[in-house]
Each structure stands twice: as C-alpha cells, then as structure tokens.
PDB file of N, CA and C in Angstrom:
ATOM      1  N   MET A   1     147.839  61.461  91.001  1.00  0.00           N
ATOM      2  CA  MET A   1     147.534  61.422  89.599  1.00  0.00           C
ATOM      3  C   MET A   1     146.528  60.310  89.308  1.00  0.00           C
ATOM      4  N   LEU A   2     146.752  59.140  89.872  1.00  0.00           N
ATOM      5  CA  LEU A   2     145.865  58.011  89.578  1.00  0.00           C
ATOM      6  C   LEU A   2     144.446  58.258  90.076  1.00  0.00           C
ATOM      7  N   THR A   3     144.326  58.965  91.182  1.00  0.00           N
ATOM      8  CA  THR A   3     142.993  59.303  91.681  1.00  0.00           C
ATOM      9  C   THR A   3     142.356  60.367  90.796  1.00  0.00           C
ATOM     10  N   LYS A   4     143.140  61.336  90.389  1.00  0.00           N
ATOM     11  CA  LYS A   4     142.617  62.426  89.559  1.00  0.00           C
ATOM     12  C   LYS A   4     142.054  61.923  88.236  1.00  0.00           C
ATOM     13  N   ILE A   5     142.655  60.863  87.688  1.00  0.00           N
ATOM     14  CA  ILE A   5     142.172  60.370  86.393  1.00  0.00           C
ATOM     15  C   ILE A   5     141.256  59.153  86.542  1.00  0.00           C
ATOM     16  N   GLY A   6     140.904  58.815  87.778  1.00  0.00           N
ATOM     17  CA  GLY A   6     139.900  57.789  88.029  1.00  0.00           C
ATOM     18  C   GLY A   6     140.368  56.345  88.015  1.00  0.00           C
ATOM     19  N   ILE A   7     141.672  56.116  88.075  1.00  0.00           N
ATOM     20  CA  ILE A   7     142.172  54.733  88.089  1.00  0.00           C
ATOM     21  C   ILE A   7     142.052  54.129  89.478  1.00  0.00           C
ATOM     22  N   ILE A   8     142.304  54.939  90.499  1.00  0.00           N
ATOM     23  CA  ILE A   8     142.092  54.471  91.865  1.00  0.00           C
ATOM     24  C   ILE A   8     141.151  55.451  92.573  1.00  0.00           C
ATOM     25  N   THR A   9     140.432  54.927  93.529  1.00  0.00           N
ATOM     26  CA  THR A   9     139.495  55.758  94.286  1.00  0.00           C
ATOM     27  C   THR A   9     140.234  56.480  95.410  1.00  0.00           C
ATOM     28  N   PRO A  10     139.608  57.506  95.981  1.00  0.00           N
ATOM     29  CA  PRO A  10     140.231  58.164  97.142  1.00  0.00           C
ATOM     30  C   PRO A  10     140.486  57.196  98.301  1.00  0.00           C
ATOM     31  N   LEU A  11     139.609  56.224  98.504  1.00  0.00           N
ATOM     32  CA  LEU A  11     139.833  55.235  99.568  1.00  0.00           C
ATOM     33  C   LEU A  11     141.041  54.356  99.273  1.00  0.00           C
ATOM     34  N   GLU A  12     141.208  53.981  98.002  1.00  0.00           N
ATOM     35  CA  GLU A  12     142.385  53.192  97.619  1.00  0.00           C
ATOM     36  C   GLU A  12     143.654  54.016  97.806  1.00  0.00           C
ATOM     37  N   LEU A  13     143.597  55.284  97.456  1.00  0.00           N
ATOM     38  CA  LEU A  13     144.745  56.167  97.652  1.00  0.00           C
ATOM     39  C   LEU A  13     145.122  56.227  99.127  1.00  0.00           C
ATOM     40  N   ASP A  14     144.139  56.393  99.992  1.00  0.00           N
ATOM     41  CA  ASP A  14     144.409  56.433 101.430  1.00  0.00           C
ATOM     42  C   ASP A  14     145.060  55.140 101.911  1.00  0.00           C
ATOM     43  N   ALA A  15     144.573  54.013 101.407  1.00  0.00           N
ATOM     44  CA  ALA A  15     145.138  52.717 101.800  1.00  0.00           C
ATOM     45  C   ALA A  15     146.595  52.602 101.345  1.00  0.00           C
ATOM     46  N   ILE A  16     146.859  52.987 100.106  1.00  0.00           N
ATOM     47  CA  ILE A  16     148.227  52.911  99.567  1.00  0.00           C
ATOM     48  C   ILE A  16     149.158  53.833 100.353  1.00  0.00           C
ATOM     49  N   LEU A  17     148.732  55.075 100.568  1.00  0.00           N
ATOM     50  CA  LEU A  17     149.577  56.016 101.306  1.00  0.00           C
ATOM     51  C   LEU A  17     149.808  55.554 102.742  1.00  0.00           C
ATOM     52  N   GLY A  18     148.770  55.008 103.364  1.00  0.00           N
ATOM     53  CA  GLY A  18     148.931  54.473 104.716  1.00  0.00           C
ATOM     54  C   GLY A  18     149.932  53.334 104.749  1.00  0.00           C
ATOM     55  N   GLY A  19     149.835  52.450 103.772  1.00  0.00           N
ATOM     56  CA  GLY A  19     150.788  51.340 103.685  1.00  0.00           C
ATOM     57  C   GLY A  19     152.208  51.814 103.468  1.00  0.00           C
ATOM     58  N   LEU A  20     152.377  52.806 102.603  1.00  0.00           N
ATOM     59  CA  LEU A  20     153.714  53.350 102.340  1.00  0.00           C
ATOM     60  C   LEU A  20     154.290  54.030 103.580  1.00  0.00           C
ATOM     61  N   LYS A  21     153.435  54.706 104.340  1.00  0.00           N
ATOM     62  CA  LYS A  21     153.901  55.347 105.568  1.00  0.00           C
ATOM     63  C   LYS A  21     154.367  54.299 106.579  1.00  0.00           C
ATOM     64  N   ARG A  22     153.659  53.172 106.652  1.00  0.00           N
ATOM     65  CA  ARG A  22     154.082  52.095 107.564  1.00  0.00           C
ATOM     66  C   ARG A  22     155.430  51.522 107.130  1.00  0.00           C
ATOM     67  N   ILE A  23     155.604  51.363 105.819  1.00  0.00           N
ATOM     68  CA  ILE A  23     156.883  50.846 105.300  1.00  0.00           C
ATOM     69  C   ILE A  23     158.002  51.840 105.599  1.00  0.00           C
ATOM     70  N   LYS A  24     157.741  53.133 105.397  1.00  0.00           N
ATOM     71  CA  LYS A  24     158.757  54.149 105.701  1.00  0.00           C
ATOM     72  C   LYS A  24     159.138  54.120 107.178  1.00  0.00           C
ATOM     73  N   LYS A  25     158.158  53.914 108.034  1.00  0.00           N
ATOM     74  CA  LYS A  25     158.439  53.825 109.470  1.00  0.00           C
ATOM     75  C   LYS A  25     159.360  52.643 109.761  1.00  0.00           C
ATOM     76  N   GLU A  26     159.101  51.501 109.099  1.00  0.00           N
ATOM     77  CA  GLU A  26     159.983  50.340 109.258  1.00  0.00           C
ATOM     78  C   GLU A  26     161.403  50.672 108.810  1.00  0.00           C
ATOM     79  N   ILE A  27     161.509  51.374 107.689  1.00  0.00           N
ATOM     80  CA  ILE A  27     162.834  51.758 107.183  1.00  0.00           C
ATOM     81  C   ILE A  27     163.524  52.672 108.184  1.00  0.00           C
ATOM     82  N   ASP A  28     162.788  53.682 108.678  1.00  0.00           N
ATOM     83  CA  ASP A  28     163.358  54.631 109.642  1.00  0.00           C
ATOM     84  C   ASP A  28     163.795  53.947 110.931  1.00  0.00           C
ATOM     85  N   GLN A  29     163.075  52.890 111.320  1.00  0.00           N
ATOM     86  CA  GLN A  29     163.399  52.168 112.557  1.00  0.00           C
ATOM     87  C   GLN A  29     164.378  51.019 112.316  1.00  0.00           C
ATOM     88  N   HIS A  30     164.860  50.913 111.095  1.00  0.00           N
ATOM     89  CA  HIS A  30     165.826  49.879 110.721  1.00  0.00           C
ATOM     90  C   HIS A  30     165.280  48.464 110.897  1.00  0.00           C
ATOM     91  N   SER A  31     163.953  48.319 110.775  1.00  0.00           N
ATOM     92  CA  SER A  31     163.369  46.981 110.865  1.00  0.00           C
ATOM     93  C   SER A  31     162.926  46.457 109.501  1.00  0.00           C
ATOM     94  N   PHE A  32     163.158  47.224 108.458  1.00  0.00           N
ATOM     95  CA  PHE A  32     162.865  46.807 107.083  1.00  0.00           C
ATOM     96  C   PHE A  32     164.059  46.008 106.598  1.00  0.00           C
ATOM     97  N   VAL A  33     163.821  44.755 106.263  1.00  0.00           N
ATOM     98  CA  VAL A  33     164.931  43.872 105.906  1.00  0.00           C
ATOM     99  C   VAL A  33     164.703  43.290 104.520  1.00  0.00           C
ATOM    100  N   MET A  34     165.695  43.446 103.677  1.00  0.00           N
ATOM    101  CA  MET A  34     165.664  42.810 102.362  1.00  0.00           C
ATOM    102  C   MET A  34     166.210  41.397 102.515  1.00  0.00           C
ATOM    103  N   GLN A  35     165.564  40.455 101.842  1.00  0.00           N
ATOM    104  CA  GLN A  35     166.001  39.069 101.833  1.00  0.00           C
ATOM    105  C   GLN A  35     166.572  38.739 100.459  1.00  0.00           C
ATOM    106  N   LEU A  36     167.372  37.721 100.400  1.00  0.00           N
ATOM    107  CA  LEU A  36     167.966  37.309  99.140  1.00  0.00           C
ATOM    108  C   LEU A  36     166.893  37.029  98.082  1.00  0.00           C
ATOM    109  N   GLU A  37     165.763  36.473  98.514  1.00  0.00           N
ATOM    110  CA  GLU A  37     164.715  36.126  97.553  1.00  0.00           C
ATOM    111  C   GLU A  37     163.909  37.336  97.068  1.00  0.00           C
ATOM    112  N   ASP A  38     164.082  38.498  97.701  1.00  0.00           N
ATOM    113  CA  ASP A  38     163.419  39.715  97.226  1.00  0.00           C
ATOM    114  C   ASP A  38     164.090  40.153  95.923  1.00  0.00           C
ATOM    115  N   GLU A  39     163.290  40.315  94.902  1.00  0.00           N
ATOM    116  CA  GLU A  39     163.848  40.680  93.596  1.00  0.00           C
ATOM    117  C   GLU A  39     164.570  42.020  93.658  1.00  0.00           C
ATOM    118  N   ASP A  40     163.900  43.019  94.207  1.00  0.00           N
ATOM    119  CA  ASP A  40     164.465  44.351  94.371  1.00  0.00           C
ATOM    120  C   ASP A  40     163.567  45.123  95.328  1.00  0.00           C
ATOM    121  N   ILE A  41     163.953  46.336  95.651  1.00  0.00           N
ATOM    122  CA  ILE A  41     163.195  47.124  96.622  1.00  0.00           C
ATOM    123  C   ILE A  41     161.776  47.402  96.139  1.00  0.00           C
ATOM    124  N   HIS A  42     161.604  47.593  94.840  1.00  0.00           N
ATOM    125  CA  HIS A  42     160.279  47.892  94.290  1.00  0.00           C
ATOM    126  C   HIS A  42     159.320  46.721  94.494  1.00  0.00           C
ATOM    127  N   THR A  43     159.800  45.533  94.190  1.00  0.00           N
ATOM    128  CA  THR A  43     158.987  44.335  94.361  1.00  0.00           C
ATOM    129  C   THR A  43     158.702  44.097  95.836  1.00  0.00           C
ATOM    130  N   LYS A  44     159.698  44.307  96.679  1.00  0.00           N
ATOM    131  CA  LYS A  44     159.533  44.123  98.128  1.00  0.00           C
ATOM    132  C   LYS A  44     158.436  45.048  98.652  1.00  0.00           C
ATOM    133  N   VAL A  45     158.471  46.316  98.276  1.00  0.00           N
ATOM    134  CA  VAL A  45     157.466  47.274  98.740  1.00  0.00           C
ATOM    135  C   VAL A  45     156.081  46.874  98.238  1.00  0.00           C
ATOM    136  N   GLU A  46     155.977  46.526  96.966  1.00  0.00           N
ATOM    137  CA  GLU A  46     154.681  46.110  96.429  1.00  0.00           C
ATOM    138  C   GLU A  46     154.174  44.858  97.152  1.00  0.00           C
ATOM    139  N   ASN A  47     155.042  43.900  97.395  1.00  0.00           N
ATOM    140  CA  ASN A  47     154.625  42.675  98.087  1.00  0.00           C
ATOM    141  C   ASN A  47     154.139  42.963  99.504  1.00  0.00           C
ATOM    142  N   ILE A  48     154.817  43.864 100.205  1.00  0.00           N
ATOM    143  CA  ILE A  48     154.382  44.236 101.550  1.00  0.00           C
ATOM    144  C   ILE A  48     153.011  44.910 101.477  1.00  0.00           C
ATOM    145  N   LEU A  49     152.838  45.813 100.518  1.00  0.00           N
ATOM    146  CA  LEU A  49     151.545  46.481 100.377  1.00  0.00           C
ATOM    147  C   LEU A  49     150.428  45.485 100.110  1.00  0.00           C
ATOM    148  N   VAL A  50     150.662  44.561  99.198  1.00  0.00           N
ATOM    149  CA  VAL A  50     149.632  43.560  98.879  1.00  0.00           C
ATOM    150  C   VAL A  50     149.315  42.726 100.114  1.00  0.00           C
ATOM    151  N   LYS A  51     150.339  42.382 100.871  1.00  0.00           N
ATOM    152  CA  LYS A  51     150.124  41.584 102.084  1.00  0.00           C
ATOM    153  C   LYS A  51     149.325  42.363 103.131  1.00  0.00           C
ATOM    154  N   THR A  52     149.563  43.673 103.229  1.00  0.00           N
ATOM    155  CA  THR A  52     148.914  44.445 104.288  1.00  0.00           C
ATOM    156  C   THR A  52     147.603  45.102 103.869  1.00  0.00           C
ATOM    157  N   ILE A  53     147.476  45.506 102.595  1.00  0.00           N
ATOM    158  CA  ILE A  53     146.246  46.205 102.188  1.00  0.00           C
ATOM    159  C   ILE A  53     145.483  45.472 101.093  1.00  0.00           C
ATOM    160  N   GLY A  54     145.982  44.325 100.670  1.00  0.00           N
ATOM    161  CA  GLY A  54     145.288  43.550  99.649  1.00  0.00           C
ATOM    162  C   GLY A  54     145.687  43.953  98.231  1.00  0.00           C
ATOM    163  N   ASP A  55     144.872  43.546  97.285  1.00  0.00           N
ATOM    164  CA  ASP A  55     145.190  43.752  95.865  1.00  0.00           C
ATOM    165  C   ASP A  55     145.320  45.216  95.458  1.00  0.00           C
ATOM    166  N   ILE A  56     144.806  46.113  96.282  1.00  0.00           N
ATOM    167  CA  ILE A  56     144.978  47.543  96.000  1.00  0.00           C
ATOM    168  C   ILE A  56     146.468  47.867  95.872  1.00  0.00           C
ATOM    169  N   GLY A  57     147.297  47.188  96.639  1.00  0.00           N
ATOM    170  CA  GLY A  57     148.741  47.414  96.602  1.00  0.00           C
ATOM    171  C   GLY A  57     149.344  47.188  95.232  1.00  0.00           C
ATOM    172  N   LYS A  58     148.701  46.361  94.419  1.00  0.00           N
ATOM    173  CA  LYS A  58     149.201  46.102  93.063  1.00  0.00           C
ATOM    174  C   LYS A  58     149.043  47.314  92.159  1.00  0.00           C
ATOM    175  N   LYS A  59     148.193  48.245  92.562  1.00  0.00           N
ATOM    176  CA  LYS A  59     147.961  49.438  91.750  1.00  0.00           C
ATOM    177  C   LYS A  59     149.022  50.515  91.961  1.00  0.00           C
ATOM    178  N   LEU A  60     149.947  50.281  92.870  1.00  0.00           N
ATOM    179  CA  LEU A  60     150.965  51.272  93.221  1.00  0.00           C
ATOM    180  C   LEU A  60     151.689  51.814  91.996  1.00  0.00           C
ATOM    181  N   HIS A  61     152.072  50.945  91.098  1.00  0.00           N
ATOM    182  CA  HIS A  61     152.908  51.367  89.977  1.00  0.00           C
ATOM    183  C   HIS A  61     152.129  51.585  88.676  1.00  0.00           C
ATOM    184  N   THR A  62     150.815  51.596  88.734  1.00  0.00           N
ATOM    185  CA  THR A  62     150.016  51.786  87.526  1.00  0.00           C
ATOM    186  C   THR A  62     150.378  53.106  86.853  1.00  0.00           C
ATOM    187  N   ALA A  63     150.699  53.032  85.583  1.00  0.00           N
ATOM    188  CA  ALA A  63     150.984  54.204  84.733  1.00  0.00           C
ATOM    189  C   ALA A  63     152.269  54.937  85.095  1.00  0.00           C
ATOM    190  N   ARG A  64     153.094  54.351  85.941  1.00  0.00           N
ATOM    191  CA  ARG A  64     154.373  54.972  86.284  1.00  0.00           C
ATOM    192  C   ARG A  64     155.472  53.933  86.249  1.00  0.00           C
ATOM    193  N   SER A  65     156.600  54.345  85.704  1.00  0.00           N
ATOM    194  CA  SER A  65     157.757  53.455  85.736  1.00  0.00           C
ATOM    195  C   SER A  65     158.338  53.473  87.143  1.00  0.00           C
ATOM    196  N   ARG A  66     159.211  52.536  87.421  1.00  0.00           N
ATOM    197  CA  ARG A  66     159.879  52.520  88.720  1.00  0.00           C
ATOM    198  C   ARG A  66     160.675  53.797  88.935  1.00  0.00           C
ATOM    199  N   ASN A  67     161.321  54.294  87.882  1.00  0.00           N
ATOM    200  CA  ASN A  67     162.086  55.534  88.015  1.00  0.00           C
ATOM    201  C   ASN A  67     161.170  56.702  88.354  1.00  0.00           C
ATOM    202  N   ASP A  68     159.992  56.750  87.748  1.00  0.00           N
ATOM    203  CA  ASP A  68     159.021  57.796  88.084  1.00  0.00           C
ATOM    204  C   ASP A  68     158.632  57.707  89.551  1.00  0.00           C
ATOM    205  N   GLN A  69     158.391  56.487  90.037  1.00  0.00           N
ATOM    206  CA  GLN A  69     157.991  56.311  91.431  1.00  0.00           C
ATOM    207  C   GLN A  69     159.072  56.813  92.376  1.00  0.00           C
ATOM    208  N   ILE A  70     160.304  56.472  92.083  1.00  0.00           N
ATOM    209  CA  ILE A  70     161.407  56.877  92.945  1.00  0.00           C
ATOM    210  C   ILE A  70     161.519  58.389  92.993  1.00  0.00           C
ATOM    211  N   LEU A  71     161.404  59.027  91.843  1.00  0.00           N
ATOM    212  CA  LEU A  71     161.510  60.481  91.779  1.00  0.00           C
ATOM    213  C   LEU A  71     160.394  61.137  92.576  1.00  0.00           C
ATOM    214  N   VAL A  72     159.173  60.682  92.378  1.00  0.00           N
ATOM    215  CA  VAL A  72     158.041  61.282  93.088  1.00  0.00           C
ATOM    216  C   VAL A  72     158.161  61.066  94.580  1.00  0.00           C
ATOM    217  N   LEU A  73     158.488  59.850  95.012  1.00  0.00           N
ATOM    218  CA  LEU A  73     158.595  59.566  96.437  1.00  0.00           C
ATOM    219  C   LEU A  73     159.761  60.315  97.065  1.00  0.00           C
ATOM    220  N   SER A  74     160.878  60.435  96.355  1.00  0.00           N
ATOM    221  CA  SER A  74     162.036  61.112  96.925  1.00  0.00           C
ATOM    222  C   SER A  74     161.809  62.614  97.020  1.00  0.00           C
ATOM    223  N   LEU A  75     160.942  63.162  96.165  1.00  0.00           N
ATOM    224  CA  LEU A  75     160.629  64.584  96.222  1.00  0.00           C
ATOM    225  C   LEU A  75     159.470  64.881  97.168  1.00  0.00           C
ATOM    226  N   GLY A  76     158.883  63.829  97.723  1.00  0.00           N
ATOM    227  CA  GLY A  76     157.810  64.008  98.689  1.00  0.00           C
ATOM    228  C   GLY A  76     156.446  64.224  98.073  1.00  0.00           C
ATOM    229  N   GLY A  77     156.325  63.984  96.785  1.00  0.00           N
ATOM    230  CA  GLY A  77     155.036  64.168  96.119  1.00  0.00           C
ATOM    231  C   GLY A  77     154.137  62.974  96.302  1.00  0.00           C
ATOM    232  N   ASN A  78     152.845  63.193  96.115  1.00  0.00           N
ATOM    233  CA  ASN A  78     151.914  62.081  96.210  1.00  0.00           C
ATOM    234  C   ASN A  78     150.863  62.146  95.118  1.00  0.00           C
ATOM    235  N   ASN A  79     151.155  62.837  94.048  1.00  0.00           N
ATOM    236  CA  ASN A  79     150.151  62.936  92.985  1.00  0.00           C
ATOM    237  C   ASN A  79     150.519  62.123  91.790  1.00  0.00           C
TER     238      ASN A  79
END
C-alpha cells in the first residue's frame, strides 16, 4: 500500500521486506530474543529494522496501526 501511494519507493519496500524476512528467520530458529528493556514486539522489530536497513525501517508503520500490521503480517499480505 505504501509503495502504491508513493510514500515508500520500491527499493525501500524491498529493504523492509528483506529485513522482515531476516527477523522471521530469527524467530523460526528461536534466536529472536526479547529483552526486558524492549518496550514490546513492535518496537523491537522496528529497532532491528533501523539497525539493519537504516532509517527506512522507521517507515514500517507509516499509515498503519500496530493492529493493522499484525493482521496484514499474520495473513501473509504485503500491501
């Protein structure tokens, strides 16, 4: 959706999706660890994205609530 309406570029979308796939792999391999100082899973994921792909990671939640993100990701959508 964000690419379709021009908020993020196709290259930014690829970076975000690549970062999310790496995070999912960590989760699947049980190497994703929440720390006490992590506010919540949403903040943890965004922080990892920013660390790995730069400020583009901050655009992850643009125009979507956390509940929207969870629904889209759990249904396997990427638009």
